[in-house]
Amino acid sequence: MLETGVRQLRMAMGMVWGRRLNTRNLARLVADSLATLEEFGEPGADAGEVIDGPLADPAARRDFATRGVRRTAARLAAQSPFYARRFSAAGVDPARLDLDGLGAIPVTLKRDLVERADDFQCADVARYLATRTTGTTGRPAEIWLSRYEMELWPALGALAGVLRGELLPDDVLQVNVSSRATGSVHLNVAGCRLVGAACRVLGIVPPDEALDSLTDRGATLLATVPSYLAELEVAARRRGMGPGDFQLRSIDVGGEVLSTSLAQAVRQTFGVTTIRDLFAMTEVVPVFGRTCSQGHLHFDINMGLVEYLDLETGEPAEPGALATVVVTPFFPYRECMPVFRYDTRDVVRCLPGDALTCEVAGLPGTGPIEGKADSLLRLGPTDVVTPRQLTEAIEALPAKPWPARFRTTVDNGRIRLTLPASAVAGLDETEAAGHFADRGLEVDLALVGDDEATALRALRSDLHETTFAARPALIGA
């Protein structure tokens, strides 16, 4: 127990002072946590502070964030060609930078990473592994990671998973994300290795193959994206499958909008009570967002600064307003190709100023991800429709058109919504329009053949990975 306390202290001091964490020490903490769970059945009263930190006090959070920003900016000014120029042009002294002065530094955009990737590489770090964004929202960005990062992130994730009861040694994790998402796949595999859990990486394979694997191999955890989860739900219903066919205890999704109707259907079909709708992005790992039981999105505040900026002014957004999420991962959690004030273009709605009452009320919260800023529909000066509103309405149609395929344009303040014909099956034109009107959406519908559905909207489930198992057998072969 004394050794465990020392290891926890070393980790805590490293986080407070911004020093590189000893990844072997973190791995031992994972083992310590597992031993504590085996002996006592729970991780201990102070376990949460090891990961979430005792940062419920706003003044403590601000002081911690200011030191993290200064430390990170000072290193980037010395090691990153891109940020050395950016800070100089803004007239910013990293040693004096505070949260109120961040607005002087322009946000970093994805196109900066795509067009000037080499300038983001820090001079004092060797590249180890490259990973790419999926490309569903434009040209992919390539991110290089260091060996230290590849050891650090899974250790932090495994420790958090054990302490929160989300990943345990008897779990079997099935991963149905694109195998080209190297960083994400590595985090899952390495995290399972540290905990002693089993991990099966399948990729975006035909849904029936994934279902066969879930049922035949006894997976207890599933990591995927909402659009592929929708395909699994449709395939499972077609096969008449239900909770008795699965052993899943939780599902993690992220990267797209998860609708309420799809989540409810998945809980019924797969027999899971926990579906974690997460925020994760290659460019800002290991800063993650997770949803609480009340549907708020809470970001980690130990490993980075998260700002919520008004879409029009770029200033901190007011309560109730839509905002773009801007993330600065702190050093030493990012060291190879860090970003500073990275505008994710993911939109959230800021919560009213009322005090939170959820289980993670000590962490700042917002509403769930509404979609990308570039996909918002502006019908008037203050009338904005988000991708979440559209997805929620479409996936609630009686035909259950999961995942939602649609295309939108705005004409004279009205939404022209193009759907595959099967999405409104069983409804006449008036009933279909009424369905959307009941959800606050005045739309003019246009229908296309189902064979044109995939051309309406790119989804992560479209990153198909074909296998021989799905190929019909040849006669006489």
Protein backbone atom coordinates (compact mmCIF):
# COMPACT_ATOMS: atom_id res chain seq x y z
CA MET A 1 0.00 0.00 0.00
CA LEU A 2 2.90 2.36 0.79
CA GLU A 3 4.37 1.76 -2.66
CA THR A 4 1.00 2.49 -4.24
CA GLY A 5 0.78 5.77 -2.33
CA VAL A 6 4.24 6.77 -3.52
CA ARG A 7 3.34 5.98 -7.11
CA GLN A 8 0.13 8.02 -6.85
CA LEU A 9 2.10 10.92 -5.38
CA ARG A 10 4.65 10.76 -8.21
CA MET A 11 1.86 10.85 -10.76
CA ALA A 12 0.05 13.68 -9.01
CA MET A 13 3.19 15.79 -8.72
CA GLY A 14 4.01 15.20 -12.36
CA MET A 15 0.53 16.38 -13.36
CA VAL A 16 0.71 19.45 -11.12
CA TRP A 17 4.19 20.53 -12.21
CA GLY A 18 3.87 19.53 -15.84
CA ARG A 19 6.72 17.06 -15.96
CA ARG A 20 6.87 14.02 -18.20
CA LEU A 21 5.12 11.15 -16.47
CA ASN A 22 6.90 7.87 -15.93
CA THR A 23 4.92 5.42 -18.07
CA ARG A 24 6.25 2.43 -16.13
CA ASN A 25 4.97 4.02 -12.95
CA LEU A 26 1.56 4.45 -14.59
CA ALA A 27 1.52 0.80 -15.65
CA ARG A 28 2.26 -0.20 -12.04
CA LEU A 29 -0.60 2.02 -10.87
CA VAL A 30 -2.93 0.11 -13.19
CA ALA A 31 -1.74 -3.14 -11.61
CA ASP A 32 -2.14 -1.63 -8.11
CA SER A 33 -5.71 -0.59 -8.91
CA LEU A 34 -6.55 -4.06 -10.18
CA ALA A 35 -5.10 -5.63 -7.02
CA THR A 36 -7.14 -3.23 -4.85
CA LEU A 37 -10.30 -4.11 -6.77
CA GLU A 38 -9.65 -7.82 -6.38
CA GLU A 39 -9.06 -7.51 -2.63
CA PHE A 40 -11.62 -4.88 -1.62
CA GLY A 41 -14.12 -4.83 -4.49
CA GLU A 42 -13.73 -1.08 -5.10
CA PRO A 43 -10.85 1.22 -6.05
CA GLY A 44 -10.92 3.36 -2.88
CA ALA A 45 -12.44 6.66 -1.85
CA ASP A 46 -9.63 8.80 -3.30
CA ALA A 47 -9.29 6.93 -6.58
CA GLY A 48 -11.21 9.49 -8.63
CA GLU A 49 -8.74 12.23 -7.78
CA VAL A 50 -5.94 10.23 -9.40
CA ILE A 51 -7.55 10.78 -12.81
CA ASP A 52 -10.10 13.59 -12.49
CA GLY A 53 -8.12 15.64 -10.00
CA PRO A 54 -9.37 17.70 -7.05
CA LEU A 55 -10.28 20.62 -9.31
CA ALA A 56 -13.86 21.33 -8.33
CA ASP A 57 -12.86 24.79 -7.10
CA PRO A 58 -13.00 27.32 -9.97
CA ALA A 59 -10.03 29.29 -8.62
CA ALA A 60 -7.90 26.13 -8.46
CA ARG A 61 -8.96 25.20 -11.99
CA ARG A 62 -8.00 28.62 -13.30
CA ASP A 63 -4.59 28.57 -11.65
CA PHE A 64 -3.92 25.05 -12.93
CA ALA A 65 -5.02 25.98 -16.46
CA THR A 66 -2.90 29.15 -16.50
CA ARG A 67 0.23 27.21 -15.56
CA GLY A 68 -0.59 24.56 -18.16
CA VAL A 69 -1.06 27.15 -20.90
CA ARG A 70 2.19 28.95 -20.07
CA ARG A 71 4.18 25.74 -19.88
CA THR A 72 2.79 24.50 -23.18
CA ALA A 73 3.21 27.81 -24.99
CA ALA A 74 6.81 28.21 -23.79
CA ARG A 75 7.76 24.83 -25.19
CA LEU A 76 5.98 25.44 -28.50
CA ALA A 77 7.68 28.80 -28.90
CA ALA A 78 11.03 27.05 -28.57
CA GLN A 79 10.37 23.81 -30.45
CA SER A 80 7.50 24.26 -32.96
CA PRO A 81 8.22 26.37 -36.08
CA PHE A 82 4.51 26.98 -36.63
CA TYR A 83 3.83 28.31 -33.15
CA ALA A 84 7.11 30.17 -32.86
CA ARG A 85 5.94 32.30 -35.79
CA ARG A 86 2.36 32.51 -34.53
CA PHE A 87 3.27 33.70 -31.03
CA SER A 88 5.79 36.18 -32.43
CA ALA A 89 3.26 37.62 -34.86
CA ALA A 90 0.74 38.00 -32.01
CA GLY A 91 3.32 39.71 -29.80
CA VAL A 92 2.75 37.10 -27.08
CA ASP A 93 5.26 36.31 -24.34
CA PRO A 94 4.48 32.69 -23.33
CA ALA A 95 5.87 33.23 -19.84
CA ARG A 96 3.27 35.95 -19.19
CA LEU A 97 0.36 34.45 -21.08
CA ASP A 98 -2.87 34.05 -19.12
CA LEU A 99 -6.36 32.87 -19.94
CA ASP A 100 -7.62 36.39 -20.57
CA GLY A 101 -4.90 36.95 -23.17
CA LEU A 102 -5.55 33.83 -25.24
CA GLY A 103 -7.75 35.76 -27.67
CA ALA A 104 -4.65 37.45 -29.09
CA ILE A 105 -3.56 34.10 -30.54
CA PRO A 106 -5.57 32.98 -33.60
CA VAL A 107 -7.14 29.55 -33.37
CA THR A 108 -5.47 26.71 -35.27
CA LEU A 109 -7.57 25.12 -38.02
CA LYS A 110 -7.44 21.71 -39.62
CA ARG A 111 -6.25 23.24 -42.87
CA ASP A 112 -3.17 24.52 -41.04
CA LEU A 113 -2.29 20.94 -40.12
CA VAL A 114 -2.98 19.68 -43.63
CA GLU A 115 -1.05 22.41 -45.45
CA ARG A 116 1.89 22.88 -43.05
CA ALA A 117 2.19 19.58 -41.21
CA ASP A 118 6.01 19.66 -41.01
CA ASP A 119 5.94 23.00 -39.20
CA PHE A 120 3.99 21.45 -36.31
CA GLN A 121 6.71 18.87 -35.64
CA CYS A 122 8.62 19.74 -32.47
CA ALA A 123 12.38 19.74 -32.95
CA ASP A 124 13.23 17.91 -29.71
CA VAL A 125 11.09 14.82 -30.36
CA ALA A 126 11.58 11.86 -32.69
CA ARG A 127 8.59 10.69 -34.73
CA TYR A 128 7.39 7.16 -34.06
CA LEU A 129 3.90 6.44 -35.44
CA ALA A 130 1.70 8.30 -37.91
CA THR A 131 -2.09 8.31 -37.73
CA ARG A 132 -4.63 10.07 -39.92
CA THR A 133 -8.04 11.58 -39.48
CA THR A 134 -10.81 9.68 -41.28
CA GLY A 135 -11.40 12.22 -44.04
CA THR A 136 -15.19 12.20 -43.70
CA THR A 137 -15.12 15.99 -43.20
CA GLY A 138 -12.48 16.80 -45.81
CA ARG A 139 -8.88 16.03 -46.70
CA PRO A 140 -7.30 13.90 -43.93
CA ALA A 141 -4.67 15.37 -41.63
CA GLU A 142 -1.66 13.23 -40.75
CA ILE A 143 -0.51 13.37 -37.14
CA TRP A 144 2.85 12.02 -35.99
CA LEU A 145 3.12 10.61 -32.48
CA SER A 146 6.15 9.91 -30.31
CA ARG A 147 6.99 6.65 -28.56
CA TYR A 148 6.37 8.35 -25.20
CA GLU A 149 2.88 9.42 -26.29
CA MET A 150 2.10 5.91 -27.47
CA GLU A 151 3.01 4.56 -24.03
CA LEU A 152 1.47 7.39 -22.02
CA TRP A 153 -2.03 7.62 -23.47
CA PRO A 154 -2.99 3.93 -23.13
CA ALA A 155 -1.67 3.92 -19.56
CA LEU A 156 -3.76 6.94 -18.63
CA GLY A 157 -6.80 5.45 -20.38
CA ALA A 158 -6.34 2.05 -18.74
CA LEU A 159 -6.01 3.61 -15.29
CA ALA A 160 -9.15 5.68 -15.80
CA GLY A 161 -11.01 2.65 -17.19
CA VAL A 162 -10.15 0.50 -14.17
CA LEU A 163 -10.93 3.20 -11.60
CA ARG A 164 -14.31 3.90 -13.23
CA GLY A 165 -15.12 0.22 -13.72
CA GLU A 166 -15.22 0.64 -17.50
CA LEU A 167 -12.45 -1.84 -18.39
CA LEU A 168 -11.67 -4.93 -16.31
CA PRO A 169 -9.51 -8.05 -16.80
CA ASP A 170 -12.44 -10.33 -17.68
CA ASP A 171 -13.69 -7.99 -20.42
CA VAL A 172 -13.52 -8.69 -24.15
CA LEU A 173 -13.45 -5.48 -26.19
CA GLN A 174 -14.54 -5.59 -29.82
CA VAL A 175 -13.33 -2.62 -31.88
CA ASN A 176 -15.36 -1.70 -34.95
CA VAL A 177 -13.70 1.51 -36.10
CA SER A 178 -11.70 2.03 -39.26
CA SER A 179 -8.41 0.15 -38.93
CA ARG A 180 -6.81 3.16 -40.63
CA ALA A 181 -7.45 5.09 -37.40
CA THR A 182 -4.08 3.91 -36.14
CA GLY A 183 -4.02 6.00 -32.99
CA SER A 184 -7.49 4.96 -31.84
CA VAL A 185 -6.84 1.27 -32.50
CA HIS A 186 -3.52 1.43 -30.66
CA LEU A 187 -5.14 3.06 -27.61
CA ASN A 188 -7.71 0.28 -27.39
CA VAL A 189 -5.25 -2.56 -27.89
CA ALA A 190 -2.56 -1.22 -25.56
CA GLY A 191 -5.12 -0.29 -22.89
CA CYS A 192 -6.49 -3.83 -22.89
CA ARG A 193 -2.95 -5.21 -22.64
CA LEU A 194 -2.24 -3.17 -19.51
CA VAL A 195 -5.49 -4.26 -17.84
CA GLY A 196 -5.26 -7.88 -18.97
CA ALA A 197 -8.49 -7.69 -20.97
CA ALA A 198 -8.96 -9.28 -24.39
CA CYS A 199 -9.25 -7.12 -27.51
CA ARG A 200 -10.54 -7.98 -30.97
CA VAL A 201 -10.00 -5.41 -33.74
CA LEU A 202 -12.34 -6.04 -36.68
CA GLY A 203 -12.65 -2.67 -38.39
CA ILE A 204 -15.66 -1.58 -40.46
CA VAL A 205 -16.50 -5.04 -41.77
CA PRO A 206 -19.92 -6.21 -43.03
CA PRO A 207 -22.34 -5.87 -40.08
CA ASP A 208 -23.27 -9.55 -40.05
CA GLU A 209 -19.63 -10.48 -39.45
CA ALA A 210 -19.45 -8.08 -36.52
CA LEU A 211 -22.66 -9.51 -35.07
CA ASP A 212 -21.36 -13.07 -35.45
CA SER A 213 -18.22 -12.06 -33.59
CA LEU A 214 -20.19 -10.36 -30.81
CA THR A 215 -22.32 -13.43 -30.24
CA ASP A 216 -19.86 -16.27 -30.89
CA ARG A 217 -16.88 -14.79 -29.06
CA GLY A 218 -18.63 -13.28 -26.05
CA ALA A 219 -17.62 -9.63 -26.33
CA THR A 220 -18.55 -7.60 -23.25
CA LEU A 221 -17.54 -4.16 -24.60
CA LEU A 222 -17.98 -2.59 -28.02
CA ALA A 223 -16.19 0.47 -29.39
CA THR A 224 -17.56 1.89 -32.63
CA VAL A 225 -19.11 4.93 -34.31
CA PRO A 226 -22.83 5.84 -34.33
CA SER A 227 -23.40 5.17 -38.03
CA TYR A 228 -21.91 1.68 -37.82
CA LEU A 229 -23.82 1.01 -34.61
CA ALA A 230 -26.94 1.90 -36.60
CA GLU A 231 -26.01 -0.68 -39.23
CA LEU A 232 -25.50 -3.27 -36.50
CA GLU A 233 -28.92 -2.44 -35.05
CA VAL A 234 -30.62 -2.84 -38.43
CA ALA A 235 -28.82 -6.12 -39.13
CA ALA A 236 -29.62 -7.50 -35.66
CA ARG A 237 -33.32 -6.68 -36.07
CA ARG A 238 -33.35 -8.30 -39.50
CA ARG A 239 -31.93 -11.48 -37.94
CA GLY A 240 -34.42 -11.42 -35.06
CA MET A 241 -31.68 -11.03 -32.46
CA GLY A 242 -32.25 -9.75 -28.95
CA PRO A 243 -30.58 -9.27 -25.56
CA GLY A 244 -30.24 -13.01 -25.00
CA ASP A 245 -27.85 -13.24 -27.94
CA PHE A 246 -25.29 -10.81 -26.51
CA GLN A 247 -23.09 -10.45 -23.44
CA LEU A 248 -22.37 -6.74 -23.86
CA ARG A 249 -22.36 -4.58 -20.75
CA SER A 250 -21.48 -1.26 -22.39
CA ILE A 251 -20.93 0.40 -25.76
CA ASP A 252 -18.66 3.37 -26.50
CA VAL A 253 -19.34 5.54 -29.54
CA GLY A 254 -17.99 8.84 -30.82
CA GLY A 255 -17.16 10.87 -33.88
CA GLU A 256 -20.75 11.38 -35.05
CA VAL A 257 -24.17 12.30 -33.67
CA LEU A 258 -25.85 9.50 -31.70
CA SER A 259 -29.61 10.05 -31.81
CA THR A 260 -31.91 9.37 -28.87
CA SER A 261 -34.07 6.95 -30.88
CA LEU A 262 -31.08 4.88 -32.02
CA ALA A 263 -29.63 4.74 -28.51
CA GLN A 264 -32.96 3.53 -27.11
CA ALA A 265 -33.26 0.86 -29.80
CA VAL A 266 -29.71 -0.38 -29.20
CA ARG A 267 -30.33 -0.68 -25.47
CA GLN A 268 -33.36 -2.86 -26.18
CA THR A 269 -31.78 -5.02 -28.87
CA PHE A 270 -28.34 -5.53 -27.34
CA GLY A 271 -29.42 -5.51 -23.70
CA VAL A 272 -26.98 -2.81 -22.58
CA THR A 273 -27.78 -0.12 -20.04
CA THR A 274 -24.65 1.94 -20.67
CA ILE A 275 -23.91 3.68 -23.95
CA ARG A 276 -21.11 6.21 -23.56
CA ASP A 277 -21.27 8.97 -26.15
CA LEU A 278 -17.68 10.23 -26.14
CA PHE A 279 -15.79 13.08 -27.72
CA ALA A 280 -12.41 12.11 -29.10
CA MET A 281 -10.33 13.61 -31.88
CA THR A 282 -6.93 12.54 -33.17
CA GLU A 283 -5.63 16.09 -33.21
CA VAL A 284 -6.30 16.73 -29.50
CA VAL A 285 -5.80 13.33 -27.84
CA PRO A 286 -5.61 12.71 -24.88
CA VAL A 287 -8.19 15.42 -24.10
CA PHE A 288 -11.51 13.57 -24.12
CA GLY A 289 -15.12 14.45 -23.43
CA ARG A 290 -17.62 12.07 -21.83
CA THR A 291 -21.33 12.28 -21.20
CA CYS A 292 -22.92 12.09 -17.77
CA SER A 293 -26.25 10.54 -16.81
CA GLN A 294 -27.99 13.87 -17.50
CA GLY A 295 -26.64 14.10 -21.05
CA HIS A 296 -24.07 16.84 -20.45
CA LEU A 297 -20.71 16.64 -22.18
CA HIS A 298 -17.82 17.02 -19.72
CA PHE A 299 -14.24 17.49 -20.92
CA ASP A 300 -11.12 16.45 -19.09
CA ILE A 301 -9.49 19.50 -17.50
CA ASN A 302 -6.26 17.93 -16.25
CA MET A 303 -4.70 17.31 -19.64
CA GLY A 304 -5.77 20.38 -21.54
CA LEU A 305 -7.71 23.60 -21.75
CA VAL A 306 -11.12 23.57 -23.42
CA GLU A 307 -12.66 26.86 -24.59
CA TYR A 308 -16.17 27.41 -25.90
CA LEU A 309 -16.10 30.25 -28.41
CA ASP A 310 -19.03 32.10 -29.92
CA LEU A 311 -19.48 31.15 -33.57
CA GLU A 312 -19.77 34.77 -34.70
CA THR A 313 -17.42 36.74 -32.47
CA GLY A 314 -14.80 34.19 -31.46
CA GLU A 315 -15.20 35.40 -27.86
CA PRO A 316 -16.19 33.12 -24.97
CA ALA A 317 -19.77 32.05 -25.60
CA GLU A 318 -22.61 33.12 -23.32
CA PRO A 319 -24.84 30.62 -21.45
CA GLY A 320 -27.36 29.05 -23.82
CA ALA A 321 -25.41 30.01 -26.96
CA LEU A 322 -23.95 27.70 -29.59
CA ALA A 323 -20.17 27.50 -29.42
CA THR A 324 -17.28 25.83 -31.19
CA VAL A 325 -15.02 23.66 -29.03
CA VAL A 326 -11.40 24.85 -28.98
CA VAL A 327 -8.82 22.59 -27.32
CA THR A 328 -5.22 23.06 -26.15
CA PRO A 329 -3.64 19.78 -24.95
CA PHE A 330 -1.05 20.52 -22.27
CA PHE A 331 2.57 19.48 -22.30
CA PRO A 332 3.67 16.81 -21.31
CA TYR A 333 0.61 14.95 -22.64
CA ARG A 334 1.34 16.04 -26.22
CA GLU A 335 4.93 16.46 -27.38
CA CYS A 336 5.44 15.42 -31.02
CA MET A 337 2.91 17.46 -33.06
CA PRO A 338 0.99 19.46 -30.46
CA VAL A 339 -1.71 21.98 -31.31
CA PHE A 340 -2.56 25.17 -29.46
CA ARG A 341 -6.09 26.58 -29.45
CA TYR A 342 -7.21 23.98 -31.99
CA ASP A 343 -10.69 24.78 -33.31
CA THR A 344 -12.32 21.38 -33.62
CA ARG A 345 -15.33 22.97 -35.39
CA ASP A 346 -17.51 20.73 -33.22
CA VAL A 347 -20.47 22.72 -31.95
CA VAL A 348 -22.05 22.47 -28.50
CA ARG A 349 -24.68 24.51 -26.74
CA CYS A 350 -23.48 26.14 -23.55
CA LEU A 351 -25.58 25.29 -20.53
CA PRO A 352 -27.56 27.88 -18.57
CA GLY A 353 -25.73 29.36 -15.62
CA ASP A 354 -27.49 27.08 -13.13
CA ALA A 355 -25.28 24.88 -10.94
CA LEU A 356 -24.90 21.32 -12.22
CA THR A 357 -26.28 18.41 -10.20
CA CYS A 358 -24.92 15.43 -12.18
CA GLU A 359 -22.38 12.89 -10.92
CA VAL A 360 -19.47 14.87 -12.42
CA ALA A 361 -20.74 18.33 -11.52
CA GLY A 362 -17.20 19.33 -10.52
CA LEU A 363 -16.23 19.37 -14.20
CA PRO A 364 -17.50 22.09 -16.57
CA GLY A 365 -20.25 20.80 -18.85
CA THR A 366 -22.09 21.65 -22.05
CA GLY A 367 -24.85 20.12 -24.10
CA PRO A 368 -23.93 17.22 -26.43
CA ILE A 369 -22.14 17.71 -29.74
CA GLU A 370 -24.56 19.30 -32.21
CA GLY A 371 -22.43 18.65 -35.32
CA LYS A 372 -19.79 20.53 -37.27
CA ALA A 373 -19.92 24.32 -37.49
CA ASP A 374 -19.67 24.18 -41.28
CA SER A 375 -22.84 22.05 -41.42
CA LEU A 376 -25.10 24.44 -39.52
CA LEU A 377 -28.14 25.72 -41.42
CA ARG A 378 -28.74 29.45 -40.97
CA LEU A 379 -32.36 30.30 -41.67
CA GLY A 380 -32.19 33.81 -40.25
CA PRO A 381 -30.08 36.06 -38.01
CA THR A 382 -30.87 34.02 -34.91
CA ASP A 383 -32.45 30.89 -36.41
CA VAL A 384 -29.90 28.08 -36.68
CA VAL A 385 -30.61 24.39 -37.28
CA THR A 386 -27.91 21.91 -36.26
CA PRO A 387 -27.05 18.48 -37.69
CA ARG A 388 -28.17 16.94 -34.40
CA GLN A 389 -31.68 18.39 -34.79
CA LEU A 390 -31.93 16.93 -38.28
CA THR A 391 -30.47 13.56 -37.32
CA GLU A 392 -32.76 13.28 -34.28
CA ALA A 393 -35.82 14.05 -36.41
CA ILE A 394 -34.92 11.74 -39.30
CA GLU A 395 -33.93 8.77 -37.15
CA ALA A 396 -37.20 9.13 -35.20
CA LEU A 397 -39.25 8.50 -38.37
CA PRO A 398 -41.48 5.40 -38.17
CA ALA A 399 -39.43 3.69 -40.91
CA LYS A 400 -36.35 3.80 -38.64
CA PRO A 401 -33.94 4.94 -41.38
CA TRP A 402 -30.74 4.18 -39.47
CA PRO A 403 -28.21 5.64 -40.06
CA ALA A 404 -29.74 8.90 -41.27
CA ARG A 405 -28.85 9.77 -44.85
CA PHE A 406 -29.79 13.25 -45.95
CA ARG A 407 -28.73 16.38 -47.79
CA THR A 408 -29.88 19.91 -46.98
CA THR A 409 -29.95 23.30 -48.65
CA VAL A 410 -31.57 26.55 -47.56
CA ASP A 411 -33.87 28.47 -49.91
CA ASN A 412 -35.55 31.70 -48.76
CA GLY A 413 -35.27 30.72 -45.13
CA ARG A 414 -36.67 27.22 -45.62
CA ILE A 415 -34.89 23.90 -45.45
CA ARG A 416 -34.95 21.69 -48.51
CA LEU A 417 -34.36 18.21 -47.13
CA THR A 418 -33.44 15.38 -49.48
CA LEU A 419 -34.04 11.86 -48.17
CA PRO A 420 -34.06 8.35 -49.62
CA ALA A 421 -37.65 7.31 -50.37
CA SER A 422 -37.56 4.47 -47.82
CA ALA A 423 -36.99 6.97 -44.98
CA VAL A 424 -40.60 8.15 -45.17
CA ALA A 425 -42.16 4.82 -46.05
CA GLY A 426 -45.69 4.53 -44.71
CA LEU A 427 -46.23 8.30 -44.53
CA ASP A 428 -47.89 10.55 -47.07
CA GLU A 429 -46.49 13.99 -47.86
CA THR A 430 -48.56 15.77 -45.23
CA GLU A 431 -47.72 13.25 -42.50
CA ALA A 432 -44.02 13.41 -43.31
CA ALA A 433 -43.98 17.21 -43.18
CA GLY A 434 -45.94 17.08 -39.93
CA HIS A 435 -43.35 14.77 -38.37
CA PHE A 436 -40.65 17.40 -38.87
CA ALA A 437 -42.91 20.31 -37.95
CA ASP A 438 -43.64 18.64 -34.61
CA ARG A 439 -39.89 18.84 -33.97
CA GLY A 440 -39.60 22.50 -34.88
CA LEU A 441 -38.41 21.94 -38.45
CA GLU A 442 -40.25 23.41 -41.42
CA VAL A 443 -38.92 21.46 -44.40
CA ASP A 444 -39.62 20.97 -48.07
CA LEU A 445 -39.01 17.30 -48.79
CA ALA A 446 -37.32 15.87 -51.86
CA LEU A 447 -36.98 12.11 -52.29
CA VAL A 448 -34.39 10.07 -54.19
CA GLY A 449 -34.03 6.37 -54.82
CA ASP A 450 -32.48 4.27 -52.11
CA ASP A 451 -29.60 3.45 -54.44
CA GLU A 452 -28.59 7.13 -54.17
CA ALA A 453 -28.68 7.22 -50.37
CA THR A 454 -24.93 6.88 -49.74
CA ALA A 455 -24.26 9.85 -52.02
CA LEU A 456 -26.33 12.15 -49.80
CA ARG A 457 -24.01 12.22 -46.81
CA ALA A 458 -20.62 10.73 -45.94
CA LEU A 459 -20.58 8.61 -42.79
CA ARG A 460 -17.80 6.81 -40.98
CA SER A 461 -19.54 3.50 -41.61
CA ASP A 462 -18.78 4.10 -45.30
CA LEU A 463 -15.11 3.31 -44.63
CA HIS A 464 -15.82 -0.28 -45.61
CA GLU A 465 -13.27 -3.02 -45.14
CA THR A 466 -14.28 -5.99 -47.24
CA THR A 467 -13.41 -9.54 -46.23
CA PHE A 468 -13.47 -12.93 -47.88
CA ALA A 469 -16.09 -14.10 -45.38
CA ALA A 470 -18.69 -11.96 -47.10
CA ARG A 471 -17.91 -13.33 -50.58
CA PRO A 472 -20.35 -15.96 -51.91
CA ALA A 473 -18.79 -19.37 -52.41
CA LEU A 474 -18.25 -20.35 -56.04
CA ILE A 475 -19.93 -23.49 -57.32
CA GLY A 476 -17.35 -26.23 -57.72
CA ALA A 477 -14.64 -24.25 -55.91
